[in-house]
Amino acid sequence: TLDSRIRADFIWAAEMWDASDDGQLRWFDADDVQSDEDNPWLRVWTTDGRLVFQTAVARRNPLPASAALARAASGDMVRADDDGLAFRVLSRAHVVGNQAVVIQVARSEAPMRRELYELVLVLALGLPFGVGAAALGGYLLARGALVPVSRMADQARTITAQRLSSRLPVDNPDDELGRLAGTFNRTLE
């Protein structure tokens, strides 16, 4: 998903440029509207390695390996670190207007790592709770389902040769236990 967003950022950067009257290339930078997670990290380089444009996000998060990656411009997704922050970087040559440039887009892995941490936390806390709740629920259901069997067994123990007139309780004559109790009572008759 992160790589797909970076590829979409590249397409956006390749299409959202403008040239000033003196031929300088510009890109839209909505730094005052969006956060760093929403606003793409973008740098545009000339083919000889001169930085032409960068977004405010790129200025705040300068990746030391950025220039070297722009010179290589392999078009592959590369991981770059900046003081403990990991970024995924895509550097690809492109023609903007009539000028050959290298467009470089990146996104931080921090939001993805935060989501993974939250997922692990939910699983680590929720899974034991879910298993415990399922075990308790299963125990209570099994115990409730076996109460009629226990009552029938207790009543059957009281029936002796001297008390053949006693009968087993039939709570629900239409279920399996009710039919069993009815059959046992008919046997006693």
Protein backbone atom coordinates (compact mmCIF):
# COMPACT_ATOMS: atom_id res chain seq x y z
CA THR A 1 0.00 0.00 0.00
CA LEU A 2 2.83 2.36 0.84
CA ASP A 3 4.56 1.62 -2.46
CA SER A 4 1.28 2.22 -4.32
CA ARG A 5 0.92 5.61 -2.65
CA ILE A 6 4.49 6.48 -3.63
CA ARG A 7 3.79 5.51 -7.26
CA ALA A 8 0.66 7.67 -7.17
CA ASP A 9 2.78 10.53 -5.78
CA PHE A 10 5.15 10.10 -8.72
CA ILE A 11 2.28 10.33 -11.20
CA TRP A 12 0.98 13.41 -9.37
CA ALA A 13 4.47 15.01 -9.46
CA ALA A 14 4.90 14.20 -13.16
CA GLU A 15 1.61 15.93 -14.00
CA MET A 16 1.33 18.80 -11.48
CA TRP A 17 4.18 21.02 -12.61
CA ASP A 18 4.12 24.52 -13.95
CA ALA A 19 6.74 26.69 -15.62
CA SER A 20 7.27 30.31 -14.62
CA ASP A 21 7.89 33.06 -17.18
CA ASP A 22 11.65 32.59 -16.83
CA GLY A 23 11.37 28.83 -17.49
CA GLN A 24 11.78 27.70 -13.89
CA LEU A 25 9.80 24.59 -13.00
CA ARG A 26 7.40 24.72 -10.03
CA TRP A 27 5.16 22.22 -8.32
CA PHE A 28 2.14 22.67 -6.12
CA ASP A 29 3.06 22.44 -2.43
CA ALA A 30 0.10 22.41 -0.02
CA ASP A 31 2.24 22.49 3.10
CA ASP A 32 -0.08 24.85 4.97
CA VAL A 33 -3.10 22.61 4.31
CA GLN A 34 -1.89 19.05 4.81
CA SER A 35 0.25 17.14 7.29
CA ASP A 36 3.52 15.41 6.42
CA GLU A 37 1.63 12.11 6.15
CA ASP A 38 -0.70 13.53 3.50
CA ASN A 39 1.66 15.86 1.66
CA PRO A 40 4.22 13.94 -0.40
CA TRP A 41 7.96 14.26 0.03
CA LEU A 42 9.12 15.48 -3.38
CA ARG A 43 12.42 16.58 -4.87
CA VAL A 44 13.09 17.33 -8.51
CA TRP A 45 16.65 17.21 -9.81
CA THR A 46 18.21 18.08 -13.13
CA THR A 47 20.05 15.26 -14.86
CA ASP A 48 23.37 16.88 -13.86
CA GLY A 49 22.44 16.66 -10.15
CA ARG A 50 21.16 20.18 -9.38
CA LEU A 51 18.14 20.40 -7.07
CA VAL A 52 15.35 22.26 -8.88
CA PHE A 53 12.43 21.92 -6.45
CA GLN A 54 11.53 20.37 -3.12
CA THR A 55 8.39 20.40 -1.04
CA ALA A 56 8.30 21.69 2.54
CA VAL A 57 8.12 18.08 3.72
CA ALA A 58 11.39 17.37 1.88
CA ARG A 59 12.98 20.46 3.44
CA ARG A 60 11.93 19.32 6.94
CA ASN A 61 13.09 15.74 6.30
CA PRO A 62 16.24 15.95 4.19
CA LEU A 63 17.36 12.45 3.30
CA PRO A 64 21.17 12.32 3.12
CA ALA A 65 21.06 9.60 0.45
CA SER A 66 18.66 11.59 -1.72
CA ALA A 67 21.27 13.05 -4.10
CA ALA A 68 22.96 9.69 -4.65
CA LEU A 69 19.62 8.00 -5.29
CA ALA A 70 18.68 10.75 -7.75
CA ARG A 71 21.94 10.25 -9.66
CA ALA A 72 21.24 6.51 -9.91
CA ALA A 73 17.52 7.04 -10.75
CA SER A 74 16.89 3.33 -11.20
CA GLY A 75 13.11 3.60 -10.91
CA ASP A 76 13.18 1.04 -8.10
CA MET A 77 11.70 1.53 -4.66
CA VAL A 78 14.54 1.98 -2.16
CA ARG A 79 14.57 2.24 1.63
CA ALA A 80 16.50 5.19 3.07
CA ASP A 81 17.07 6.08 6.72
CA ASP A 82 17.22 9.56 8.22
CA ASP A 83 18.10 9.68 11.92
CA GLY A 84 16.07 6.60 12.73
CA LEU A 85 13.17 7.46 10.42
CA ALA A 86 12.80 5.06 7.52
CA PHE A 87 11.56 6.32 4.16
CA ARG A 88 10.63 4.49 0.96
CA VAL A 89 12.06 6.45 -2.00
CA LEU A 90 11.30 6.25 -5.72
CA SER A 91 13.68 8.10 -8.09
CA ARG A 92 12.89 8.00 -11.78
CA ALA A 93 13.92 10.03 -14.82
CA HIS A 94 11.11 11.91 -16.52
CA VAL A 95 10.63 14.67 -19.08
CA VAL A 96 8.77 17.72 -17.77
CA GLY A 97 7.97 20.28 -20.41
CA ASN A 98 11.01 19.87 -22.63
CA GLN A 99 13.40 19.35 -19.76
CA ALA A 100 14.75 15.99 -18.60
CA VAL A 101 14.57 15.75 -14.81
CA VAL A 102 14.70 13.16 -12.08
CA ILE A 103 11.55 13.12 -9.97
CA GLN A 104 12.07 11.73 -6.52
CA VAL A 105 9.15 10.96 -4.22
CA ALA A 106 9.20 9.36 -0.80
CA ARG A 107 6.98 8.54 2.14
CA SER A 108 7.82 7.75 5.72
CA GLU A 109 7.34 4.20 6.96
CA ALA A 110 6.33 5.59 10.38
CA PRO A 111 2.53 5.52 9.78
CA MET A 112 2.77 1.95 8.49
CA ARG A 113 4.88 0.89 11.46
CA ARG A 114 2.42 2.62 13.83
CA GLU A 115 -0.48 0.67 12.28
CA LEU A 116 1.45 -2.60 12.58
CA TYR A 117 2.26 -1.82 16.22
CA GLU A 118 -1.42 -1.12 16.93
CA LEU A 119 -2.41 -4.37 15.21
CA VAL A 120 0.11 -6.37 17.25
CA LEU A 121 -1.09 -4.63 20.41
CA VAL A 122 -4.73 -5.42 19.64
CA LEU A 123 -3.85 -9.04 18.88
CA ALA A 124 -1.61 -9.38 21.94
CA LEU A 125 -4.28 -7.98 24.26
CA GLY A 126 -7.40 -9.08 22.43
CA LEU A 127 -6.46 -12.66 21.62
CA PRO A 128 -6.01 -13.84 25.23
CA PHE A 129 -9.17 -11.99 26.22
CA GLY A 130 -11.08 -13.56 23.30
CA VAL A 131 -9.81 -17.05 24.09
CA GLY A 132 -10.66 -16.59 27.78
CA ALA A 133 -14.15 -15.32 26.94
CA ALA A 134 -14.72 -18.21 24.54
CA ALA A 135 -13.54 -20.74 27.13
CA LEU A 136 -15.78 -19.25 29.83
CA GLY A 137 -18.73 -19.07 27.44
CA GLY A 138 -18.17 -22.67 26.34
CA TYR A 139 -17.96 -23.81 29.94
CA LEU A 140 -21.18 -22.01 30.89
CA LEU A 141 -23.02 -23.33 27.81
CA ALA A 142 -21.84 -26.91 28.40
CA ARG A 143 -22.72 -26.69 32.08
CA GLY A 144 -26.20 -25.36 31.27
CA ALA A 145 -26.74 -28.04 28.63
CA LEU A 146 -25.74 -30.82 31.05
CA VAL A 147 -27.97 -29.71 33.97
CA PRO A 148 -30.93 -31.82 32.72
CA VAL A 149 -28.65 -34.86 32.38
CA SER A 150 -27.41 -34.36 35.93
CA ARG A 151 -30.98 -34.04 37.26
CA MET A 152 -32.04 -37.18 35.36
CA ALA A 153 -29.03 -39.11 36.75
CA ASP A 154 -29.81 -37.98 40.31
CA GLN A 155 -33.47 -39.00 39.93
CA ALA A 156 -32.53 -42.34 38.33
CA ARG A 157 -30.32 -43.17 41.35
CA THR A 158 -33.31 -42.77 43.67
CA ILE A 159 -35.41 -45.30 41.74
CA THR A 160 -35.08 -48.68 43.40
CA ALA A 161 -37.18 -51.85 43.55
CA GLN A 162 -39.09 -50.28 46.42
CA ARG A 163 -39.74 -47.00 44.52
CA LEU A 164 -40.70 -48.17 41.03
CA SER A 165 -43.47 -45.58 40.94
CA SER A 166 -40.90 -42.73 40.70
CA ARG A 167 -40.29 -41.26 37.28
CA LEU A 168 -37.60 -39.13 35.61
CA PRO A 169 -38.43 -35.44 34.99
CA VAL A 170 -39.25 -34.65 31.37
CA ASP A 171 -38.52 -30.94 30.82
CA ASN A 172 -38.87 -30.92 27.03
CA PRO A 173 -40.40 -34.09 25.52
CA ASP A 174 -39.34 -33.04 21.97
CA ASP A 175 -35.55 -33.00 22.44
CA GLU A 176 -33.15 -35.95 22.78
CA LEU A 177 -33.05 -35.87 26.58
CA GLY A 178 -36.83 -35.61 26.83
CA ARG A 179 -37.28 -38.63 24.53
CA LEU A 180 -34.70 -40.58 26.57
CA ALA A 181 -36.47 -39.73 29.85
CA GLY A 182 -39.85 -40.69 28.29
CA THR A 183 -38.46 -44.05 27.09
CA PHE A 184 -36.97 -44.75 30.53
CA ASN A 185 -40.28 -43.87 32.22
CA ARG A 186 -42.22 -46.21 29.87
CA THR A 187 -39.71 -48.97 30.68
CA LEU A 188 -40.46 -48.50 34.37
CA GLU A 189 -44.21 -48.79 33.69
